[in-house]
Amino acid sequence: MRTIMNANARLRLFSGFSLCLCAAMLALNSCTEEDHKQELPNVVQQELDQVRQSVIPYRDLKKAIAAGYDHEVTGYRAQMGYHYLNAALLDDKFELQKPEILLYAPYGKDSMKLVAVEYATPIADIRNPPAVPEGFTGKDDEWEINTEFNLWTLHAWVELENTHGIFAPHNTKLP
């Protein structure tokens, strides 16, 4: 009888220990996830800062054209601007500091202002597109399929605030 009681006591002790261990593991895991969620905006902000730094020379449209952003591909698009493509960058890779397209809007009488960048990756078969490209850290970037050009596209409004979000495709501050 004493052996059975000792076995039962050990089982209760082991069960209690296991339950405490599981609770501790869950607490650690949730802390890690919560910490990760808090770090994410900082990581995205750092990535956006890198983009801003990389496009500083292209605030001047003439310098952007000289650097290869020399194909104005859309004309003025409402709530977007003019799209200048660097065809040499158009491939299936997301490169943070090498956006394929720069967006400009008229500013003043005779100048254009850089307002956003756009990332683009080709889609070979628009009826069977590949998975959404990897982009910025997290899940806030809003990739869209552009059927006019058969591309996955992602806007980042790094030079003009967008009340709909930095990755929104349109910006109501532009006519």
N, C-alpha and C. Protein backbone atom coordinates (compact mmCIF):
# COMPACT_ATOMS: atom_id res chain seq x y z
N MET A 1 0.82 -1.18 0.00
CA MET A 1 0.00 0.00 0.00
C MET A 1 0.87 1.26 0.00
N ARG A 2 1.95 1.20 0.78
CA ARG A 2 2.83 2.35 0.86
C ARG A 2 3.48 2.63 -0.49
N THR A 3 3.83 1.60 -1.27
CA THR A 3 4.41 1.76 -2.59
C THR A 3 3.43 2.44 -3.53
N ILE A 4 2.15 2.04 -3.42
CA ILE A 4 1.12 2.67 -4.27
C ILE A 4 0.99 4.14 -3.91
N MET A 5 0.98 4.48 -2.63
CA MET A 5 0.86 5.87 -2.21
C MET A 5 2.07 6.68 -2.67
N ASN A 6 3.25 6.08 -2.54
CA ASN A 6 4.44 6.78 -2.99
C ASN A 6 4.39 7.01 -4.50
N ALA A 7 3.90 6.03 -5.24
CA ALA A 7 3.78 6.18 -6.69
C ALA A 7 2.77 7.27 -7.02
N ASN A 8 1.63 7.27 -6.31
CA ASN A 8 0.63 8.33 -6.54
C ASN A 8 1.18 9.70 -6.19
N ALA A 9 1.90 9.79 -5.07
CA ALA A 9 2.48 11.08 -4.68
C ALA A 9 3.50 11.54 -5.71
N ARG A 10 4.32 10.61 -6.19
CA ARG A 10 5.30 10.97 -7.23
C ARG A 10 4.60 11.40 -8.51
N LEU A 11 3.52 10.72 -8.87
CA LEU A 11 2.77 11.08 -10.08
C LEU A 11 2.19 12.49 -9.95
N ARG A 12 1.60 12.80 -8.75
CA ARG A 12 1.06 14.15 -8.54
C ARG A 12 2.18 15.19 -8.58
N LEU A 13 3.29 14.86 -7.97
CA LEU A 13 4.43 15.77 -7.98
C LEU A 13 4.93 16.00 -9.40
N PHE A 14 5.08 14.92 -10.16
CA PHE A 14 5.54 15.03 -11.55
C PHE A 14 4.53 15.81 -12.39
N SER A 15 3.23 15.53 -12.19
CA SER A 15 2.19 16.25 -12.94
C SER A 15 2.23 17.73 -12.62
N GLY A 16 2.38 18.06 -11.33
CA GLY A 16 2.46 19.46 -10.93
C GLY A 16 3.69 20.13 -11.53
N PHE A 17 4.82 19.44 -11.49
CA PHE A 17 6.05 19.97 -12.07
C PHE A 17 5.88 20.18 -13.58
N SER A 18 5.29 19.20 -14.26
CA SER A 18 5.07 19.30 -15.71
C SER A 18 4.16 20.48 -16.04
N LEU A 19 3.11 20.65 -15.24
CA LEU A 19 2.19 21.76 -15.47
C LEU A 19 2.90 23.10 -15.29
N CYS A 20 3.71 23.21 -14.24
CA CYS A 20 4.48 24.45 -14.02
C CYS A 20 5.47 24.69 -15.15
N LEU A 21 6.12 23.63 -15.62
CA LEU A 21 7.06 23.75 -16.72
C LEU A 21 6.37 24.23 -17.99
N CYS A 22 5.20 23.64 -18.27
CA CYS A 22 4.44 24.06 -19.46
C CYS A 22 4.01 25.52 -19.34
N ALA A 23 3.54 25.91 -18.17
CA ALA A 23 3.12 27.30 -17.97
C ALA A 23 4.30 28.26 -18.16
N ALA A 24 5.46 27.87 -17.63
CA ALA A 24 6.65 28.71 -17.79
C ALA A 24 7.05 28.81 -19.25
N MET A 25 6.98 27.70 -19.98
CA MET A 25 7.34 27.71 -21.40
C MET A 25 6.37 28.61 -22.18
N LEU A 26 5.08 28.52 -21.88
CA LEU A 26 4.10 29.37 -22.55
C LEU A 26 4.35 30.84 -22.25
N ALA A 27 4.66 31.14 -20.99
CA ALA A 27 4.93 32.53 -20.61
C ALA A 27 6.16 33.05 -21.34
N LEU A 28 7.21 32.25 -21.40
CA LEU A 28 8.41 32.67 -22.11
C LEU A 28 8.14 32.86 -23.59
N ASN A 29 7.39 31.93 -24.18
CA ASN A 29 7.08 32.03 -25.60
C ASN A 29 6.23 33.26 -25.89
N SER A 30 5.23 33.54 -25.05
CA SER A 30 4.39 34.71 -25.31
C SER A 30 5.19 36.00 -25.09
N CYS A 31 6.11 36.02 -24.15
CA CYS A 31 6.95 37.20 -23.98
C CYS A 31 7.81 37.42 -25.21
N THR A 32 8.36 36.35 -25.71
CA THR A 32 9.20 36.46 -26.89
C THR A 32 8.38 36.98 -28.08
N GLU A 33 7.17 36.44 -28.26
CA GLU A 33 6.32 36.90 -29.36
C GLU A 33 5.94 38.36 -29.17
N GLU A 34 5.60 38.74 -27.93
CA GLU A 34 5.22 40.13 -27.67
C GLU A 34 6.41 41.06 -27.89
N ASP A 35 7.58 40.64 -27.40
CA ASP A 35 8.77 41.45 -27.63
C ASP A 35 9.02 41.59 -29.12
N HIS A 36 8.84 40.51 -29.87
CA HIS A 36 9.05 40.55 -31.32
C HIS A 36 8.08 41.52 -31.99
N LYS A 37 6.81 41.50 -31.53
CA LYS A 37 5.82 42.41 -32.10
C LYS A 37 6.22 43.86 -31.84
N GLN A 38 6.77 44.14 -30.64
CA GLN A 38 7.17 45.51 -30.33
C GLN A 38 8.38 45.93 -31.14
N GLU A 39 9.26 44.99 -31.46
CA GLU A 39 10.46 45.31 -32.24
C GLU A 39 10.13 45.54 -33.70
N LEU A 40 9.08 44.91 -34.20
CA LEU A 40 8.77 44.94 -35.62
C LEU A 40 8.65 46.35 -36.18
N PRO A 41 7.87 47.24 -35.55
CA PRO A 41 7.80 48.60 -36.10
C PRO A 41 9.18 49.25 -36.17
N ASN A 42 10.02 49.00 -35.19
CA ASN A 42 11.36 49.58 -35.21
C ASN A 42 12.16 49.03 -36.38
N VAL A 43 12.03 47.73 -36.65
CA VAL A 43 12.75 47.12 -37.77
C VAL A 43 12.26 47.70 -39.08
N VAL A 44 10.95 47.81 -39.25
CA VAL A 44 10.39 48.38 -40.48
C VAL A 44 10.82 49.83 -40.62
N GLN A 45 10.82 50.56 -39.52
CA GLN A 45 11.25 51.96 -39.57
C GLN A 45 12.70 52.06 -40.01
N GLN A 46 13.54 51.17 -39.51
CA GLN A 46 14.94 51.15 -39.94
C GLN A 46 15.05 50.83 -41.43
N GLU A 47 14.24 49.89 -41.89
CA GLU A 47 14.26 49.56 -43.32
C GLU A 47 13.82 50.76 -44.15
N LEU A 48 12.77 51.44 -43.72
CA LEU A 48 12.30 52.62 -44.45
C LEU A 48 13.34 53.73 -44.43
N ASP A 49 14.04 53.88 -43.32
CA ASP A 49 15.11 54.87 -43.25
C ASP A 49 16.22 54.53 -44.26
N GLN A 50 16.51 53.25 -44.42
CA GLN A 50 17.52 52.83 -45.41
C GLN A 50 17.05 53.20 -46.82
N VAL A 51 15.76 53.00 -47.09
CA VAL A 51 15.22 53.36 -48.41
C VAL A 51 15.35 54.87 -48.61
N ARG A 52 14.93 55.63 -47.62
CA ARG A 52 15.02 57.09 -47.72
C ARG A 52 16.45 57.54 -48.01
N GLN A 53 17.40 56.98 -47.31
CA GLN A 53 18.80 57.33 -47.53
C GLN A 53 19.24 56.97 -48.95
N SER A 54 18.80 55.82 -49.43
CA SER A 54 19.25 55.37 -50.76
C SER A 54 18.67 56.21 -51.90
N VAL A 55 17.54 56.88 -51.67
CA VAL A 55 16.93 57.66 -52.75
C VAL A 55 17.18 59.16 -52.63
N ILE A 56 17.93 59.58 -51.64
CA ILE A 56 18.23 61.02 -51.50
C ILE A 56 18.76 61.61 -52.80
N PRO A 57 19.71 60.97 -53.49
CA PRO A 57 20.19 61.56 -54.75
C PRO A 57 19.10 61.71 -55.81
N TYR A 58 18.05 60.92 -55.70
CA TYR A 58 17.01 60.92 -56.74
C TYR A 58 15.87 61.90 -56.45
N ARG A 59 16.04 62.69 -55.41
CA ARG A 59 15.08 63.77 -55.20
C ARG A 59 15.13 64.72 -56.39
N ASP A 60 16.27 64.76 -57.02
CA ASP A 60 16.45 65.53 -58.25
C ASP A 60 16.17 64.58 -59.42
N LEU A 61 15.10 64.82 -60.13
CA LEU A 61 14.68 63.93 -61.22
C LEU A 61 15.78 63.77 -62.27
N LYS A 62 16.52 64.82 -62.54
CA LYS A 62 17.60 64.72 -63.53
C LYS A 62 18.65 63.69 -63.10
N LYS A 63 18.96 63.66 -61.82
CA LYS A 63 19.93 62.68 -61.32
C LYS A 63 19.35 61.27 -61.38
N ALA A 64 18.07 61.14 -61.13
CA ALA A 64 17.42 59.82 -61.22
C ALA A 64 17.47 59.31 -62.65
N ILE A 65 17.17 60.18 -63.60
CA ILE A 65 17.20 59.79 -65.01
C ILE A 65 18.61 59.38 -65.41
N ALA A 66 19.60 60.14 -64.97
CA ALA A 66 21.00 59.82 -65.27
C ALA A 66 21.41 58.48 -64.65
N ALA A 67 20.78 58.10 -63.53
CA ALA A 67 21.11 56.85 -62.84
C ALA A 67 20.34 55.65 -63.39
N GLY A 68 19.52 55.88 -64.43
CA GLY A 68 18.83 54.75 -65.06
C GLY A 68 17.32 54.73 -64.89
N TYR A 69 16.78 55.63 -64.08
CA TYR A 69 15.32 55.73 -63.94
C TYR A 69 14.80 56.60 -65.08
N ASP A 70 14.98 56.10 -66.28
CA ASP A 70 14.76 56.93 -67.47
C ASP A 70 13.56 56.53 -68.32
N HIS A 71 12.73 55.63 -67.83
CA HIS A 71 11.52 55.24 -68.57
C HIS A 71 10.30 55.72 -67.79
N GLU A 72 9.70 56.80 -68.25
CA GLU A 72 8.46 57.26 -67.64
C GLU A 72 7.37 56.39 -68.25
N VAL A 73 6.76 55.53 -67.43
CA VAL A 73 5.94 54.44 -67.99
C VAL A 73 4.43 54.62 -67.89
N THR A 74 3.94 55.63 -67.19
CA THR A 74 2.49 55.67 -66.97
C THR A 74 1.82 56.99 -67.32
N GLY A 75 2.57 58.05 -67.49
CA GLY A 75 1.92 59.36 -67.47
C GLY A 75 1.49 59.62 -66.04
N TYR A 76 0.83 60.73 -65.80
CA TYR A 76 0.41 61.03 -64.43
C TYR A 76 -0.75 60.13 -64.04
N ARG A 77 -0.60 59.44 -62.93
CA ARG A 77 -1.67 58.60 -62.37
C ARG A 77 -2.20 59.28 -61.12
N ALA A 78 -3.53 59.42 -61.08
CA ALA A 78 -4.16 60.06 -59.93
C ALA A 78 -3.74 59.37 -58.63
N GLN A 79 -3.45 60.17 -57.63
CA GLN A 79 -3.07 59.74 -56.29
C GLN A 79 -1.80 58.88 -56.27
N MET A 80 -1.00 58.97 -57.34
CA MET A 80 0.27 58.26 -57.40
C MET A 80 1.38 59.15 -57.96
N GLY A 81 1.16 59.75 -59.10
CA GLY A 81 2.18 60.55 -59.75
C GLY A 81 2.70 59.89 -61.00
N TYR A 82 3.87 60.35 -61.46
CA TYR A 82 4.56 59.78 -62.62
C TYR A 82 5.47 58.66 -62.15
N HIS A 83 5.50 57.58 -62.89
CA HIS A 83 6.32 56.42 -62.55
C HIS A 83 7.55 56.35 -63.46
N TYR A 84 8.73 56.43 -62.86
CA TYR A 84 9.98 56.33 -63.61
C TYR A 84 10.66 55.01 -63.28
N LEU A 85 10.76 54.15 -64.28
CA LEU A 85 11.29 52.80 -64.13
C LEU A 85 12.78 52.75 -64.45
N ASN A 86 13.51 52.00 -63.65
CA ASN A 86 14.89 51.63 -63.97
C ASN A 86 14.81 50.17 -64.43
N ALA A 87 14.76 49.97 -65.74
CA ALA A 87 14.54 48.63 -66.31
C ALA A 87 15.64 47.65 -65.92
N ALA A 88 16.84 48.13 -65.66
CA ALA A 88 17.94 47.25 -65.27
C ALA A 88 17.69 46.59 -63.91
N LEU A 89 16.82 47.18 -63.10
CA LEU A 89 16.54 46.63 -61.77
C LEU A 89 15.34 45.68 -61.75
N LEU A 90 14.61 45.62 -62.85
CA LEU A 90 13.38 44.82 -62.89
C LEU A 90 13.72 43.33 -62.98
N ASP A 91 13.57 42.65 -61.85
CA ASP A 91 13.82 41.21 -61.79
C ASP A 91 12.93 40.63 -60.68
N ASP A 92 13.16 39.40 -60.31
CA ASP A 92 12.29 38.77 -59.31
C ASP A 92 12.83 38.91 -57.88
N LYS A 93 13.74 39.85 -57.64
CA LYS A 93 14.32 40.05 -56.32
C LYS A 93 13.81 41.35 -55.69
N PHE A 94 13.51 41.28 -54.40
CA PHE A 94 13.21 42.47 -53.63
C PHE A 94 14.53 42.96 -53.05
N GLU A 95 14.94 44.14 -53.46
CA GLU A 95 16.17 44.73 -52.94
C GLU A 95 15.80 46.07 -52.30
N LEU A 96 15.87 46.09 -51.01
CA LEU A 96 15.41 47.21 -50.20
C LEU A 96 15.89 48.56 -50.73
N GLN A 97 17.17 48.66 -51.03
CA GLN A 97 17.74 49.94 -51.42
C GLN A 97 17.78 50.15 -52.93
N LYS A 98 17.10 49.29 -53.67
CA LYS A 98 17.06 49.42 -55.12
C LYS A 98 15.63 49.27 -55.64
N PRO A 99 14.78 50.23 -55.33
CA PRO A 99 13.41 50.14 -55.87
C PRO A 99 13.45 50.26 -57.39
N GLU A 100 12.60 49.51 -58.04
CA GLU A 100 12.57 49.50 -59.50
C GLU A 100 11.96 50.78 -60.08
N ILE A 101 11.09 51.42 -59.31
CA ILE A 101 10.34 52.58 -59.82
C ILE A 101 10.38 53.71 -58.79
N LEU A 102 10.55 54.94 -59.28
CA LEU A 102 10.44 56.13 -58.45
C LEU A 102 9.22 56.91 -58.89
N LEU A 103 8.45 57.42 -57.94
CA LEU A 103 7.25 58.19 -58.25
C LEU A 103 7.47 59.67 -57.95
N TYR A 104 7.09 60.49 -58.93
CA TYR A 104 7.24 61.94 -58.82
C TYR A 104 5.90 62.61 -59.05
N ALA A 105 5.72 63.75 -58.39
CA ALA A 105 4.52 64.55 -58.58
C ALA A 105 4.94 65.98 -58.89
N PRO A 106 4.13 66.69 -59.69
CA PRO A 106 4.46 68.09 -59.98
C PRO A 106 4.53 68.91 -58.69
N TYR A 107 5.53 69.78 -58.65
CA TYR A 107 5.75 70.60 -57.47
C TYR A 107 6.16 71.97 -57.97
N GLY A 108 5.34 72.93 -57.70
CA GLY A 108 5.63 74.27 -58.21
C GLY A 108 5.36 74.31 -59.71
N LYS A 109 5.96 75.32 -60.37
CA LYS A 109 5.70 75.52 -61.80
C LYS A 109 6.47 74.56 -62.69
N ASP A 110 7.75 74.37 -62.40
CA ASP A 110 8.59 73.64 -63.35
C ASP A 110 9.34 72.46 -62.75
N SER A 111 8.96 71.99 -61.60
CA SER A 111 9.75 70.91 -61.02
C SER A 111 8.88 69.73 -60.60
N MET A 112 9.57 68.65 -60.35
CA MET A 112 8.91 67.43 -59.90
C MET A 112 9.51 67.05 -58.55
N LYS A 113 8.67 66.51 -57.69
CA LYS A 113 9.12 66.12 -56.36
C LYS A 113 8.98 64.61 -56.21
N LEU A 114 10.05 63.97 -55.72
CA LEU A 114 9.99 62.54 -55.40
C LEU A 114 9.02 62.36 -54.26
N VAL A 115 8.05 61.46 -54.41
CA VAL A 115 7.05 61.25 -53.37
C VAL A 115 7.06 59.82 -52.82
N ALA A 116 7.46 58.87 -53.65
CA ALA A 116 7.40 57.47 -53.22
C ALA A 116 8.33 56.62 -54.07
N VAL A 117 8.52 55.40 -53.62
CA VAL A 117 9.21 54.40 -54.41
C VAL A 117 8.23 53.26 -54.63
N GLU A 118 8.51 52.48 -55.66
CA GLU A 118 7.67 51.32 -55.92
C GLU A 118 8.58 50.15 -56.28
N TYR A 119 8.31 49.04 -55.63
CA TYR A 119 9.02 47.80 -55.93
C TYR A 119 8.17 47.01 -56.90
N ALA A 120 8.83 46.32 -57.82
CA ALA A 120 8.09 45.55 -58.82
C ALA A 120 8.85 44.27 -59.16
N THR A 121 8.10 43.20 -59.28
CA THR A 121 8.68 41.94 -59.75
C THR A 121 7.77 41.39 -60.84
N PRO A 122 8.35 40.87 -61.93
CA PRO A 122 7.56 40.40 -63.05
C PRO A 122 6.75 39.14 -62.73
N ILE A 123 5.62 39.04 -63.39
CA ILE A 123 4.79 37.84 -63.32
C ILE A 123 4.74 37.26 -64.73
N ALA A 124 5.31 36.09 -64.92
CA ALA A 124 5.38 35.47 -66.24
C ALA A 124 3.99 35.06 -66.74
N ASP A 125 3.19 34.47 -65.88
CA ASP A 125 1.84 34.02 -66.26
C ASP A 125 0.85 34.67 -65.32
N ILE A 126 0.17 35.71 -65.78
CA ILE A 126 -0.74 36.47 -64.94
C ILE A 126 -1.91 35.61 -64.45
N ARG A 127 -2.25 34.54 -65.18
CA ARG A 127 -3.32 33.64 -64.75
C ARG A 127 -2.87 32.71 -63.63
N ASN A 128 -1.56 32.60 -63.46
CA ASN A 128 -1.00 31.74 -62.43
C ASN A 128 0.20 32.46 -61.78
N PRO A 129 -0.07 33.54 -61.04
CA PRO A 129 1.03 34.35 -60.51
C PRO A 129 1.79 33.61 -59.41
N PRO A 130 3.06 33.92 -59.27
CA PRO A 130 3.84 33.34 -58.18
C PRO A 130 3.38 33.93 -56.84
N ALA A 131 3.89 33.38 -55.78
CA ALA A 131 3.56 33.88 -54.44
C ALA A 131 3.96 35.34 -54.30
N VAL A 132 3.32 36.02 -53.38
CA VAL A 132 3.65 37.41 -53.08
C VAL A 132 5.14 37.49 -52.74
N PRO A 133 5.85 38.44 -53.32
CA PRO A 133 7.29 38.57 -53.03
C PRO A 133 7.55 38.87 -51.56
N GLU A 134 8.72 38.48 -51.11
CA GLU A 134 9.19 38.89 -49.78
C GLU A 134 9.43 40.39 -49.87
N GLY A 135 9.11 41.08 -48.84
CA GLY A 135 9.32 42.53 -48.86
C GLY A 135 9.86 42.99 -47.54
N PHE A 136 9.23 44.00 -47.00
CA PHE A 136 9.64 44.55 -45.71
C PHE A 136 9.32 43.55 -44.60
N THR A 137 9.98 43.70 -43.48
CA THR A 137 9.73 42.84 -42.34
C THR A 137 8.28 42.97 -41.90
N GLY A 138 7.69 41.87 -41.54
CA GLY A 138 6.30 41.88 -41.08
C GLY A 138 5.34 41.67 -42.22
N LYS A 139 4.08 41.98 -41.95
CA LYS A 139 3.03 41.72 -42.93
C LYS A 139 2.26 42.98 -43.30
N ASP A 140 2.84 44.15 -43.07
CA ASP A 140 2.13 45.40 -43.34
C ASP A 140 2.26 45.89 -44.77
N ASP A 141 3.26 45.39 -45.50
CA ASP A 141 3.40 45.86 -46.88
C ASP A 141 2.28 45.28 -47.73
N GLU A 142 1.76 46.10 -48.64
CA GLU A 142 0.57 45.76 -49.43
C GLU A 142 0.93 45.53 -50.90
N TRP A 143 1.42 44.33 -51.20
CA TRP A 143 1.73 44.00 -52.59
C TRP A 143 0.43 43.84 -53.36
N GLU A 144 0.43 44.31 -54.60
CA GLU A 144 -0.73 44.17 -55.48
C GLU A 144 -0.27 43.61 -56.82
N ILE A 145 -1.18 42.94 -57.49
CA ILE A 145 -0.89 42.50 -58.85
C ILE A 145 -1.33 43.60 -59.81
N ASN A 146 -0.40 44.05 -60.63
CA ASN A 146 -0.68 45.04 -61.65
C ASN A 146 -0.86 44.28 -62.97
N THR A 147 -2.11 44.19 -63.43
CA THR A 147 -2.39 43.42 -64.65
C THR A 147 -2.02 44.18 -65.92
N GLU A 148 -1.86 45.49 -65.82
CA GLU A 148 -1.46 46.28 -66.98
C GLU A 148 -0.04 45.93 -67.41
N PHE A 149 0.84 45.73 -66.42
CA PHE A 149 2.25 45.46 -66.72
C PHE A 149 2.69 44.05 -66.29
N ASN A 150 1.77 43.24 -65.77
CA ASN A 150 2.07 41.89 -65.28
C ASN A 150 3.19 41.92 -64.24
N LEU A 151 2.92 42.64 -63.16
CA LEU A 151 3.90 42.81 -62.10
C LEU A 151 3.25 42.67 -60.72
N TRP A 152 4.01 42.17 -59.77
CA TRP A 152 3.69 42.39 -58.37
C TRP A 152 4.26 43.77 -58.06
N THR A 153 3.50 44.64 -57.39
CA THR A 153 3.99 45.98 -57.07
C THR A 153 3.73 46.31 -55.60
N LEU A 154 4.61 47.14 -55.06
CA LEU A 154 4.50 47.60 -53.68
C LEU A 154 4.97 49.04 -53.62
N HIS A 155 4.10 49.93 -53.18
CA HIS A 155 4.46 51.34 -52.99
C HIS A 155 4.98 51.55 -51.57
N ALA A 156 5.89 52.47 -51.42
CA ALA A 156 6.35 52.93 -50.11
C ALA A 156 6.47 54.45 -50.20
N TRP A 157 5.61 55.13 -49.48
CA TRP A 157 5.54 56.59 -49.52
C TRP A 157 6.58 57.16 -48.56
N VAL A 158 7.82 57.13 -48.99
CA VAL A 158 8.94 57.54 -48.14
C VAL A 158 9.23 59.04 -48.17
N GLU A 159 8.65 59.76 -49.13
CA GLU A 159 8.92 61.20 -49.26
C GLU A 159 7.67 62.06 -49.12
N LEU A 160 6.51 61.44 -49.01
CA LEU A 160 5.26 62.17 -48.83
C LEU A 160 4.38 61.35 -47.89
N GLU A 161 4.02 61.95 -46.77
CA GLU A 161 3.17 61.24 -45.81
C GLU A 161 1.88 60.77 -46.48
N ASN A 162 1.44 59.59 -46.09
CA ASN A 162 0.20 59.03 -46.62
C ASN A 162 -0.68 58.64 -45.45
N THR A 163 -1.83 59.30 -45.32
CA THR A 163 -2.73 59.03 -44.20
C THR A 163 -3.31 57.62 -44.24
N HIS A 164 -3.23 56.97 -45.39
CA HIS A 164 -3.74 55.60 -45.51
C HIS A 164 -2.67 54.56 -45.20
N GLY A 165 -1.48 55.00 -44.88
CA GLY A 165 -0.40 54.09 -44.53
C GLY A 165 0.74 54.18 -45.52
N ILE A 166 1.93 53.92 -45.04
CA ILE A 166 3.12 54.08 -45.87
C ILE A 166 3.13 53.15 -47.07
N PHE A 167 2.48 51.98 -46.95
CA PHE A 167 2.49 51.00 -48.03
C PHE A 167 1.21 51.01 -48.87
N ALA A 168 0.31 51.93 -48.61
CA ALA A 168 -0.92 52.00 -49.39
C ALA A 168 -0.60 52.33 -50.85
N PRO A 169 -1.34 51.77 -51.79
CA PRO A 169 -1.02 52.02 -53.20
C PRO A 169 -1.34 53.45 -53.66
N HIS A 170 -2.31 54.11 -53.02
CA HIS A 170 -2.69 55.46 -53.43
C HIS A 170 -2.51 56.43 -52.26
N ASN A 171 -2.30 57.69 -52.62
CA ASN A 171 -2.13 58.74 -51.62
C ASN A 171 -3.07 59.88 -51.98
N THR A 172 -4.04 60.11 -51.12
CA THR A 172 -5.06 61.14 -51.39
C THR A 172 -4.52 62.56 -51.28
N LYS A 173 -3.27 62.73 -50.86
CA LYS A 173 -2.67 64.07 -50.87
C LYS A 173 -2.32 64.51 -52.28
N LEU A 174 -2.31 63.57 -53.20
CA LEU A 174 -2.07 63.91 -54.60
C LEU A 174 -3.38 63.88 -55.35
N PRO A 175 -3.57 64.86 -56.28
CA PRO A 175 -4.82 64.86 -57.03
C PRO A 175 -4.91 63.68 -57.98
